[in-house]
Amino acid sequence: MAETLAFDYTAAQARDAWPALSMPPVSRLTLALYCGASGDHNPLHVDADFARDAGLGDVIAHGMLVMGYMGRTLTRFVPQPAIREFNTRFQAMTRVGDEITCTGEVTAREVAADGTTILRVSVSAADQRGEIKTQGEAVIALPA
């Protein structure tokens, strides 16, 4: 079923909440599919024996998968070309079974050097226990 969220990012102001995105629990299938899509076949993400031998206990999700969820939080409402910058800082490992929810907040609405109105949006991804997995910022250009 398609999402039917109404959010007009062009009217957003500082301190406005960005609609959250909740993802299904990370599964081994999710990780295997992401390996194929991304080309990142590091065994820490798909080989449980390798991950245990490395001291992790089990496989971990790709950090870029979680960043992708954060990006999807934005692109549900914003055309991709409007995103001028998007950065993140990885903070904790995501494990099989973690349910990731991405949230955001508009931190500023300002005029860029080129005269374009932009939004600065802080975005973070946390699991079901509230542990922050990654957080960052996006700069979004508003339509003229």
Protein backbone atom coordinates (compact mmCIF):
# COMPACT_ATOMS: atom_id res chain seq x y z
CA MET A 1 0.00 0.00 0.00
CA ALA A 2 1.39 3.40 -0.97
CA GLU A 3 2.04 6.03 1.66
CA THR A 4 -0.41 8.90 1.75
CA LEU A 5 1.40 11.37 3.94
CA ALA A 6 0.80 15.05 3.45
CA PHE A 7 3.83 17.21 4.14
CA ASP A 8 4.67 20.39 2.27
CA TYR A 9 8.39 20.79 2.75
CA THR A 10 8.29 24.12 0.90
CA ALA A 11 6.34 25.64 3.80
CA ALA A 12 8.54 24.16 6.54
CA GLN A 13 10.09 26.45 9.10
CA ALA A 14 12.83 26.05 11.71
CA ARG A 15 11.85 23.63 14.50
CA ASP A 16 9.23 21.89 12.34
CA ALA A 17 9.33 18.11 12.69
CA TRP A 18 9.98 16.08 9.56
CA PRO A 19 7.63 13.08 9.23
CA ALA A 20 9.20 9.92 10.63
CA LEU A 21 9.86 6.81 8.56
CA SER A 22 9.71 3.42 10.29
CA MET A 23 11.28 0.47 8.54
CA PRO A 24 10.56 -3.23 9.07
CA PRO A 25 13.08 -5.16 11.18
CA VAL A 26 16.44 -5.63 9.48
CA SER A 27 16.62 -9.22 8.23
CA ARG A 28 19.32 -11.41 6.79
CA LEU A 29 17.47 -11.18 3.48
CA THR A 30 17.61 -7.36 3.66
CA LEU A 31 21.37 -7.56 4.16
CA ALA A 32 21.88 -10.06 1.34
CA LEU A 33 19.81 -7.95 -1.05
CA TYR A 34 21.71 -4.82 -0.06
CA CYS A 35 25.01 -6.63 -0.68
CA GLY A 36 23.90 -7.37 -4.22
CA ALA A 37 22.54 -3.89 -4.87
CA SER A 38 25.50 -2.02 -3.39
CA GLY A 39 28.33 -4.35 -4.38
CA ASP A 40 29.50 -4.33 -0.75
CA HIS A 41 30.02 -8.01 -0.04
CA ASN A 42 32.00 -7.59 3.19
CA PRO A 43 31.42 -10.85 5.08
CA LEU A 44 30.68 -8.91 8.30
CA HIS A 45 27.27 -8.23 6.74
CA VAL A 46 26.30 -11.72 5.57
CA ASP A 47 28.53 -14.41 7.07
CA ALA A 48 27.52 -15.13 10.68
CA ASP A 49 30.59 -17.31 11.34
CA PHE A 50 32.92 -14.61 10.05
CA ALA A 51 31.15 -11.94 12.15
CA ARG A 52 31.35 -14.13 15.29
CA ASP A 53 35.06 -14.79 14.68
CA ALA A 54 35.52 -11.00 14.43
CA GLY A 55 33.93 -10.60 17.87
CA LEU A 56 30.60 -9.16 16.73
CA GLY A 57 28.38 -12.02 17.80
CA ASP A 58 26.43 -11.89 14.52
CA VAL A 59 26.31 -9.99 11.26
CA ILE A 60 25.76 -6.24 11.25
CA ALA A 61 23.95 -4.06 8.75
CA HIS A 62 25.79 -1.83 6.33
CA GLY A 63 26.01 1.71 7.64
CA MET A 64 25.09 2.92 4.17
CA LEU A 65 21.85 0.91 4.31
CA VAL A 66 20.80 2.92 7.36
CA MET A 67 21.92 6.14 5.67
CA GLY A 68 19.76 5.08 2.73
CA TYR A 69 16.78 4.86 5.08
CA MET A 70 17.57 8.41 6.21
CA GLY A 71 17.70 9.54 2.59
CA ARG A 72 14.36 7.89 1.93
CA THR A 73 12.94 9.88 4.86
CA LEU A 74 13.75 12.99 2.83
CA THR A 75 12.89 11.83 -0.68
CA ARG A 76 9.36 10.83 0.24
CA PHE A 77 8.65 14.57 0.03
CA VAL A 78 11.60 16.20 -1.75
CA PRO A 79 12.78 15.59 -5.32
CA GLN A 80 16.29 14.12 -5.25
CA PRO A 81 17.84 16.98 -7.27
CA ALA A 82 16.73 19.44 -4.56
CA ILE A 83 19.02 17.78 -2.02
CA ARG A 84 22.23 19.80 -2.24
CA GLU A 85 24.08 18.13 0.60
CA PHE A 86 23.53 15.06 2.74
CA ASN A 87 25.98 13.87 5.36
CA THR A 88 25.94 11.50 8.26
CA ARG A 89 28.00 10.35 11.20
CA PHE A 90 27.76 6.67 12.02
CA GLN A 91 27.43 6.06 15.75
CA ALA A 92 26.37 2.48 16.48
CA MET A 93 26.04 -0.88 14.77
CA THR A 94 22.69 -2.00 13.44
CA ARG A 95 21.91 -5.66 13.97
CA VAL A 96 19.50 -8.22 12.55
CA GLY A 97 16.10 -7.60 14.10
CA ASP A 98 16.64 -3.89 14.72
CA GLU A 99 13.65 -1.78 13.74
CA ILE A 100 14.97 1.51 12.42
CA THR A 101 12.96 4.70 12.62
CA CYS A 102 14.26 7.84 10.97
CA THR A 103 13.24 11.24 12.26
CA GLY A 104 14.12 14.76 11.34
CA GLU A 105 13.71 18.38 12.23
CA VAL A 106 14.12 21.53 10.19
CA THR A 107 16.92 23.41 11.92
CA ALA A 108 16.97 26.48 9.65
CA ARG A 109 15.29 28.13 6.71
CA GLU A 110 17.73 30.53 5.12
CA VAL A 111 18.89 32.08 1.87
CA ALA A 112 22.01 30.56 0.30
CA ALA A 113 24.77 32.61 -1.33
CA ASP A 114 23.19 32.02 -4.75
CA GLY A 115 19.85 33.46 -3.57
CA THR A 116 18.09 30.12 -3.27
CA THR A 117 15.99 29.51 -0.18
CA ILE A 118 17.21 26.36 1.55
CA LEU A 119 16.20 24.19 4.46
CA ARG A 120 18.70 22.61 6.80
CA VAL A 121 17.25 19.39 8.15
CA SER A 122 18.79 17.27 10.89
CA VAL A 123 18.05 13.59 10.36
CA SER A 124 18.71 10.62 12.61
CA ALA A 125 18.08 6.90 12.63
CA ALA A 126 17.44 5.01 15.86
CA ASP A 127 16.42 1.47 16.74
CA GLN A 128 13.44 0.28 18.76
CA ARG A 129 15.38 0.90 21.99
CA GLY A 130 16.15 4.50 21.04
CA GLU A 131 19.83 3.87 20.30
CA ILE A 132 20.98 6.36 17.66
CA LYS A 133 22.62 4.50 14.79
CA THR A 134 23.47 7.49 12.63
CA GLN A 135 22.68 11.16 12.44
CA GLY A 136 23.38 13.89 9.97
CA GLU A 137 22.13 16.87 8.05
CA ALA A 138 20.63 17.58 4.66
CA VAL A 139 20.55 20.88 2.79
CA ILE A 140 17.48 21.13 0.59
CA ALA A 141 16.91 23.80 -2.07
CA LEU A 142 13.33 25.03 -2.28
CA PRO A 143 11.75 25.62 -5.68
CA ALA A 144 11.98 29.19 -6.97
